[in-house]
Amino acid sequence: MKKTTPHSHVVEAMSLQELCRFCRADETWILELVDYGVLSPEGASVTEWHFRGTNIARAKKAQRLNRDLGINTAGIALILDLLAERAAILRQLSRHQER
C-alpha cells in the first residue's frame, strides 16, 4: 500500500478522460463498463461525467481483471457484483457476531 505524504493529493472525482488515463484504457472500454453497470458516473452527458470513490476503485479492479485474467466485460460485471455481495454479507455477519 502506498504511504501518504504531506504532498499526497487525494482525488475525489475523475472525468472520463482522467479515468481512461488512470486505468490505461480507451474510452470505448470505459463506456462499455458503464453500459454493463460496472460504473455509475455522475453527470447528464458523457462530456460532463465524473467518477467518484468506489467507481474509480471498481474501474481499476476491472482493468486488472481484464489485463491479468483476460475476463470480458460481462464477466467483470458479474465478478465485481459477487465481490460486493460477499463484502456485504461479511459485514452483516461481523455485526451479528458482535451481539
C-alpha atoms as a PDB file:
ATOM      1  CA  MET A   1       0.000   0.000   0.000  1.00  0.00           C
ATOM      2  CA  LYS A   2       1.327   3.420  -0.905  1.00  0.00           C
ATOM      3  CA  LYS A   3       2.165   5.623   2.049  1.00  0.00           C
ATOM      4  CA  THR A   4       0.675   9.080   2.148  1.00  0.00           C
ATOM      5  CA  THR A   5       2.955  12.027   2.452  1.00  0.00           C
ATOM      6  CA  PRO A   6       2.310  15.662   3.238  1.00  0.00           C
ATOM      7  CA  HIS A   7       2.405  16.219  -0.532  1.00  0.00           C
ATOM      8  CA  SER A   8      -0.085  13.449  -1.378  1.00  0.00           C
ATOM      9  CA  HIS A   9      -3.111  14.529  -3.354  1.00  0.00           C
ATOM     10  CA  VAL A  10      -6.464  12.870  -2.723  1.00  0.00           C
ATOM     11  CA  VAL A  11      -8.558  12.594  -5.868  1.00  0.00           C
ATOM     12  CA  GLU A  12     -12.262  12.949  -5.202  1.00  0.00           C
ATOM     13  CA  ALA A  13     -13.507  12.669  -8.775  1.00  0.00           C
ATOM     14  CA  MET A  14     -12.225  11.969 -12.269  1.00  0.00           C
ATOM     15  CA  SER A  15     -13.528  12.908 -15.669  1.00  0.00           C
ATOM     16  CA  LEU A  16     -13.914  10.222 -18.317  1.00  0.00           C
ATOM     17  CA  GLN A  17     -10.577  11.186 -19.877  1.00  0.00           C
ATOM     18  CA  GLU A  18      -8.798  11.179 -16.495  1.00  0.00           C
ATOM     19  CA  LEU A  19     -10.233   7.755 -15.680  1.00  0.00           C
ATOM     20  CA  CYS A  20      -9.051   6.449 -19.048  1.00  0.00           C
ATOM     21  CA  ARG A  21      -5.531   7.665 -18.328  1.00  0.00           C
ATOM     22  CA  PHE A  22      -5.631   6.337 -14.748  1.00  0.00           C
ATOM     23  CA  CYS A  23      -6.698   2.863 -15.903  1.00  0.00           C
ATOM     24  CA  ARG A  24      -4.648   2.980 -19.101  1.00  0.00           C
ATOM     25  CA  ALA A  25      -7.801   2.131 -21.006  1.00  0.00           C
ATOM     26  CA  ASP A  26      -9.537   3.523 -24.020  1.00  0.00           C
ATOM     27  CA  GLU A  27     -12.795   5.432 -23.783  1.00  0.00           C
ATOM     28  CA  THR A  28     -14.769   2.698 -25.546  1.00  0.00           C
ATOM     29  CA  TRP A  29     -13.904   0.206 -22.809  1.00  0.00           C
ATOM     30  CA  ILE A  30     -14.934   2.610 -20.024  1.00  0.00           C
ATOM     31  CA  LEU A  31     -18.219   3.268 -21.866  1.00  0.00           C
ATOM     32  CA  GLU A  32     -18.753  -0.494 -22.053  1.00  0.00           C
ATOM     33  CA  LEU A  33     -18.225  -0.752 -18.277  1.00  0.00           C
ATOM     34  CA  VAL A  34     -20.907   1.913 -17.830  1.00  0.00           C
ATOM     35  CA  ASP A  35     -23.273   0.030 -20.198  1.00  0.00           C
ATOM     36  CA  TYR A  36     -22.826  -3.154 -18.136  1.00  0.00           C
ATOM     37  CA  GLY A  37     -23.466  -1.293 -14.879  1.00  0.00           C
ATOM     38  CA  VAL A  38     -19.934  -1.767 -13.574  1.00  0.00           C
ATOM     39  CA  LEU A  39     -19.518   2.011 -13.287  1.00  0.00           C
ATOM     40  CA  SER A  40     -22.116   4.645 -12.449  1.00  0.00           C
ATOM     41  CA  PRO A  41     -20.890   8.092 -13.463  1.00  0.00           C
ATOM     42  CA  GLU A  42     -22.430  11.326 -12.251  1.00  0.00           C
ATOM     43  CA  GLY A  43     -23.433  13.893 -14.861  1.00  0.00           C
ATOM     44  CA  ALA A  44     -26.044  14.466 -17.524  1.00  0.00           C
ATOM     45  CA  SER A  45     -23.916  13.617 -20.551  1.00  0.00           C
ATOM     46  CA  VAL A  46     -20.684  11.808 -21.372  1.00  0.00           C
ATOM     47  CA  THR A  47     -18.812  15.099 -21.581  1.00  0.00           C
ATOM     48  CA  GLU A  48     -19.989  16.011 -18.060  1.00  0.00           C
ATOM     49  CA  TRP A  49     -19.405  12.610 -16.446  1.00  0.00           C
ATOM     50  CA  HIS A  50     -17.431  12.374 -13.233  1.00  0.00           C
ATOM     51  CA  PHE A  51     -16.449   9.159 -11.494  1.00  0.00           C
ATOM     52  CA  ARG A  52     -16.051   9.183  -7.718  1.00  0.00           C
ATOM     53  CA  GLY A  53     -14.700   6.898  -4.980  1.00  0.00           C
ATOM     54  CA  THR A  54     -15.962   3.375  -5.480  1.00  0.00           C
ATOM     55  CA  ASN A  55     -16.312   3.885  -9.238  1.00  0.00           C
ATOM     56  CA  ILE A  56     -12.623   4.711  -9.513  1.00  0.00           C
ATOM     57  CA  ALA A  57     -11.699   1.644  -7.464  1.00  0.00           C
ATOM     58  CA  ARG A  58     -14.083  -0.574  -9.483  1.00  0.00           C
ATOM     59  CA  ALA A  59     -12.599   0.704 -12.754  1.00  0.00           C
ATOM     60  CA  LYS A  60      -9.093  -0.163 -11.580  1.00  0.00           C
ATOM     61  CA  LYS A  61     -10.221  -3.641 -10.433  1.00  0.00           C
ATOM     62  CA  ALA A  62     -11.987  -4.142 -13.763  1.00  0.00           C
ATOM     63  CA  GLN A  63      -8.833  -3.173 -15.604  1.00  0.00           C
ATOM     64  CA  ARG A  64      -6.764  -5.691 -13.606  1.00  0.00           C
ATOM     65  CA  LEU A  65      -9.326  -8.481 -14.163  1.00  0.00           C
ATOM     66  CA  ASN A  66      -9.260  -7.798 -17.891  1.00  0.00           C
ATOM     67  CA  ARG A  67      -5.497  -7.390 -18.189  1.00  0.00           C
ATOM     68  CA  ASP A  68      -4.346 -10.150 -15.829  1.00  0.00           C
ATOM     69  CA  LEU A  69      -7.037 -12.772 -16.383  1.00  0.00           C
ATOM     70  CA  GLY A  70      -8.475 -11.848 -19.790  1.00  0.00           C
ATOM     71  CA  ILE A  71     -12.012 -11.595 -18.407  1.00  0.00           C
ATOM     72  CA  ASN A  72     -14.544  -9.885 -20.677  1.00  0.00           C
ATOM     73  CA  THR A  73     -16.830  -7.046 -19.597  1.00  0.00           C
ATOM     74  CA  ALA A  74     -19.818  -9.264 -18.758  1.00  0.00           C
ATOM     75  CA  GLY A  75     -17.583 -11.442 -16.592  1.00  0.00           C
ATOM     76  CA  ILE A  76     -16.102  -8.398 -14.897  1.00  0.00           C
ATOM     77  CA  ALA A  77     -19.584  -7.120 -14.058  1.00  0.00           C
ATOM     78  CA  LEU A  78     -20.519 -10.468 -12.526  1.00  0.00           C
ATOM     79  CA  ILE A  79     -17.286 -10.810 -10.540  1.00  0.00           C
ATOM     80  CA  LEU A  80     -17.438  -7.286  -9.117  1.00  0.00           C
ATOM     81  CA  ASP A  81     -21.101  -7.721  -8.159  1.00  0.00           C
ATOM     82  CA  LEU A  82     -20.303 -11.015  -6.422  1.00  0.00           C
ATOM     83  CA  LEU A  83     -17.352  -9.458  -4.585  1.00  0.00           C
ATOM     84  CA  ALA A  84     -19.558  -6.575  -3.402  1.00  0.00           C
ATOM     85  CA  GLU A  85     -22.235  -9.027  -2.272  1.00  0.00           C
ATOM     86  CA  ARG A  86     -19.625 -11.081  -0.409  1.00  0.00           C
ATOM     87  CA  ALA A  87     -18.310  -7.979   1.345  1.00  0.00           C
ATOM     88  CA  ALA A  88     -21.848  -7.007   2.394  1.00  0.00           C
ATOM     89  CA  ILE A  89     -22.501 -10.496   3.771  1.00  0.00           C
ATOM     90  CA  LEU A  90     -19.222 -10.451   5.697  1.00  0.00           C
ATOM     91  CA  ARG A  91     -20.092  -7.048   7.201  1.00  0.00           C
ATOM     92  CA  GLN A  92     -23.520  -8.331   8.192  1.00  0.00           C
ATOM     93  CA  LEU A  93     -22.015 -11.468   9.734  1.00  0.00           C
ATOM     94  CA  SER A  94     -19.484  -9.383  11.640  1.00  0.00           C
ATOM     95  CA  ARG A  95     -22.247  -7.170  13.078  1.00  0.00           C
ATOM     96  CA  HIS A  96     -24.258 -10.243  14.028  1.00  0.00           C
ATOM     97  CA  GLN A  97     -21.289 -11.844  15.808  1.00  0.00           C
ATOM     98  CA  GLU A  98     -20.653  -8.667  17.833  1.00  0.00           C
ATOM     99  CA  ARG A  99     -24.053  -9.004  19.537  1.00  0.00           C
END
